Amino acid sequence: MKAGVPITLRLTSVDNRYHTDGGGQHQWAVDELDVSVVAPPLGNNSVTFTPDTPGTYTFYCDICCGGRANPSMQGTLVVEA
């Protein structure tokens, strides 16, 4: 991503409400950017945000599959100048 450029992130959950962990909801969040979006079971949701500061940020899901403690529920977002 480029700093100062708005982006819309669309998150989709392919799990139904009977998913054994999280009830089919999934999340994408970055604390430092004050952004979080939750997709409902078998649905989607979106959020638009503008990162102003270049850097490397950790995004995560804290709803299912072990949450934030699970390394497979995390990733890196790079914001360039």
C-alpha atoms as a PDB file:
ATOM      1  CA  MET A   1       0.000   0.000   0.000  1.00  0.00           C
ATOM      2  CA  LYS A   2       0.979   3.629  -0.383  1.00  0.00           C
ATOM      3  CA  ALA A   3       0.768   6.014   2.554  1.00  0.00           C
ATOM      4  CA  GLY A   4      -1.972   8.607   2.145  1.00  0.00           C
ATOM      5  CA  VAL A   5      -3.905   6.574  -0.422  1.00  0.00           C
ATOM      6  CA  PRO A   6      -7.298   5.210   0.670  1.00  0.00           C
ATOM      7  CA  ILE A   7      -7.941   1.509   0.241  1.00  0.00           C
ATOM      8  CA  THR A   8     -11.096  -0.561   0.567  1.00  0.00           C
ATOM      9  CA  LEU A   9     -10.572  -4.019   1.990  1.00  0.00           C
ATOM     10  CA  ARG A  10     -13.314  -6.603   1.433  1.00  0.00           C
ATOM     11  CA  LEU A  11     -13.329  -9.641   3.717  1.00  0.00           C
ATOM     12  CA  THR A  12     -15.357 -12.755   2.855  1.00  0.00           C
ATOM     13  CA  SER A  13     -16.194 -15.720   5.067  1.00  0.00           C
ATOM     14  CA  VAL A  14     -16.905 -19.020   3.321  1.00  0.00           C
ATOM     15  CA  ASP A  15     -17.774 -20.683   6.657  1.00  0.00           C
ATOM     16  CA  ASN A  16     -21.378 -21.085   7.787  1.00  0.00           C
ATOM     17  CA  ARG A  17     -22.696 -20.278  11.264  1.00  0.00           C
ATOM     18  CA  TYR A  18     -22.094 -23.882  12.330  1.00  0.00           C
ATOM     19  CA  HIS A  19     -18.325 -23.530  11.905  1.00  0.00           C
ATOM     20  CA  THR A  20     -16.929 -25.075  15.083  1.00  0.00           C
ATOM     21  CA  ASP A  21     -14.766 -22.087  15.997  1.00  0.00           C
ATOM     22  CA  GLY A  22     -15.988 -18.510  15.684  1.00  0.00           C
ATOM     23  CA  GLY A  23     -19.463 -19.313  14.423  1.00  0.00           C
ATOM     24  CA  GLY A  24     -18.417 -18.632  10.836  1.00  0.00           C
ATOM     25  CA  GLN A  25     -17.224 -15.074  11.479  1.00  0.00           C
ATOM     26  CA  HIS A  26     -13.755 -13.938  10.447  1.00  0.00           C
ATOM     27  CA  GLN A  27     -11.850 -10.719  11.147  1.00  0.00           C
ATOM     28  CA  TRP A  28      -9.096  -8.594   9.642  1.00  0.00           C
ATOM     29  CA  ALA A  29      -7.624  -6.024  12.025  1.00  0.00           C
ATOM     30  CA  VAL A  30      -4.578  -3.785  12.457  1.00  0.00           C
ATOM     31  CA  ASP A  31      -4.393  -2.166  15.883  1.00  0.00           C
ATOM     32  CA  GLU A  32      -1.862   0.536  14.947  1.00  0.00           C
ATOM     33  CA  LEU A  33      -4.094   1.731  12.099  1.00  0.00           C
ATOM     34  CA  ASP A  34      -7.274   1.498  14.197  1.00  0.00           C
ATOM     35  CA  VAL A  35      -8.976  -0.661  11.577  1.00  0.00           C
ATOM     36  CA  SER A  36     -11.046  -3.810  12.018  1.00  0.00           C
ATOM     37  CA  VAL A  37     -13.621  -5.534   9.851  1.00  0.00           C
ATOM     38  CA  VAL A  38     -15.638  -8.678  10.587  1.00  0.00           C
ATOM     39  CA  ALA A  39     -17.236 -10.824   7.888  1.00  0.00           C
ATOM     40  CA  PRO A  40     -20.428 -12.626   8.927  1.00  0.00           C
ATOM     41  CA  PRO A  41     -20.980 -16.332   8.216  1.00  0.00           C
ATOM     42  CA  LEU A  42     -21.235 -16.943   4.453  1.00  0.00           C
ATOM     43  CA  GLY A  43     -21.020 -13.209   3.873  1.00  0.00           C
ATOM     44  CA  ASN A  44     -18.709 -10.297   3.432  1.00  0.00           C
ATOM     45  CA  ASN A  45     -18.015  -6.879   4.836  1.00  0.00           C
ATOM     46  CA  SER A  46     -15.701  -4.070   3.848  1.00  0.00           C
ATOM     47  CA  VAL A  47     -13.825  -1.190   5.386  1.00  0.00           C
ATOM     48  CA  THR A  48     -12.126   1.809   3.778  1.00  0.00           C
ATOM     49  CA  PHE A  49      -9.113   3.336   5.493  1.00  0.00           C
ATOM     50  CA  THR A  50      -6.117   5.513   4.705  1.00  0.00           C
ATOM     51  CA  PRO A  51      -2.781   4.621   6.281  1.00  0.00           C
ATOM     52  CA  ASP A  52      -0.844   7.859   6.800  1.00  0.00           C
ATOM     53  CA  THR A  53       2.436   6.488   8.163  1.00  0.00           C
ATOM     54  CA  PRO A  54       4.782   4.206   6.220  1.00  0.00           C
ATOM     55  CA  GLY A  55       5.766   1.053   8.075  1.00  0.00           C
ATOM     56  CA  THR A  56       5.201  -2.646   8.564  1.00  0.00           C
ATOM     57  CA  TYR A  57       2.058  -3.618  10.444  1.00  0.00           C
ATOM     58  CA  THR A  58       0.718  -6.938  11.694  1.00  0.00           C
ATOM     59  CA  PHE A  59      -2.835  -7.821  10.712  1.00  0.00           C
ATOM     60  CA  TYR A  60      -4.707 -10.595  12.470  1.00  0.00           C
ATOM     61  CA  CYS A  61      -7.967 -12.410  13.119  1.00  0.00           C
ATOM     62  CA  ASP A  62      -8.878 -12.769  16.782  1.00  0.00           C
ATOM     63  CA  ILE A  63     -12.238 -14.495  16.343  1.00  0.00           C
ATOM     64  CA  CYS A  64     -11.514 -18.106  15.449  1.00  0.00           C
ATOM     65  CA  CYS A  65      -8.920 -20.808  14.963  1.00  0.00           C
ATOM     66  CA  GLY A  66      -6.862 -19.921  18.026  1.00  0.00           C
ATOM     67  CA  GLY A  67      -7.079 -16.200  17.387  1.00  0.00           C
ATOM     68  CA  ARG A  68      -4.135 -13.890  17.506  1.00  0.00           C
ATOM     69  CA  ALA A  69      -1.908 -16.498  19.145  1.00  0.00           C
ATOM     70  CA  ASN A  70      -2.115 -18.687  16.022  1.00  0.00           C
ATOM     71  CA  PRO A  71       0.603 -17.682  13.511  1.00  0.00           C
ATOM     72  CA  SER A  72      -1.633 -18.743  10.613  1.00  0.00           C
ATOM     73  CA  MET A  73      -4.148 -16.072  11.693  1.00  0.00           C
ATOM     74  CA  GLN A  74      -1.621 -13.240  11.220  1.00  0.00           C
ATOM     75  CA  GLY A  75       0.128 -11.517   8.366  1.00  0.00           C
ATOM     76  CA  THR A  76       2.078  -8.410   7.426  1.00  0.00           C
ATOM     77  CA  LEU A  77       0.814  -5.245   5.770  1.00  0.00           C
ATOM     78  CA  VAL A  78       3.513  -3.000   4.285  1.00  0.00           C
ATOM     79  CA  VAL A  79       2.750   0.697   3.820  1.00  0.00           C
ATOM     80  CA  GLU A  80       5.261   2.502   1.606  1.00  0.00           C
ATOM     81  CA  ALA A  81       5.975   6.218   1.329  1.00  0.00           C
END
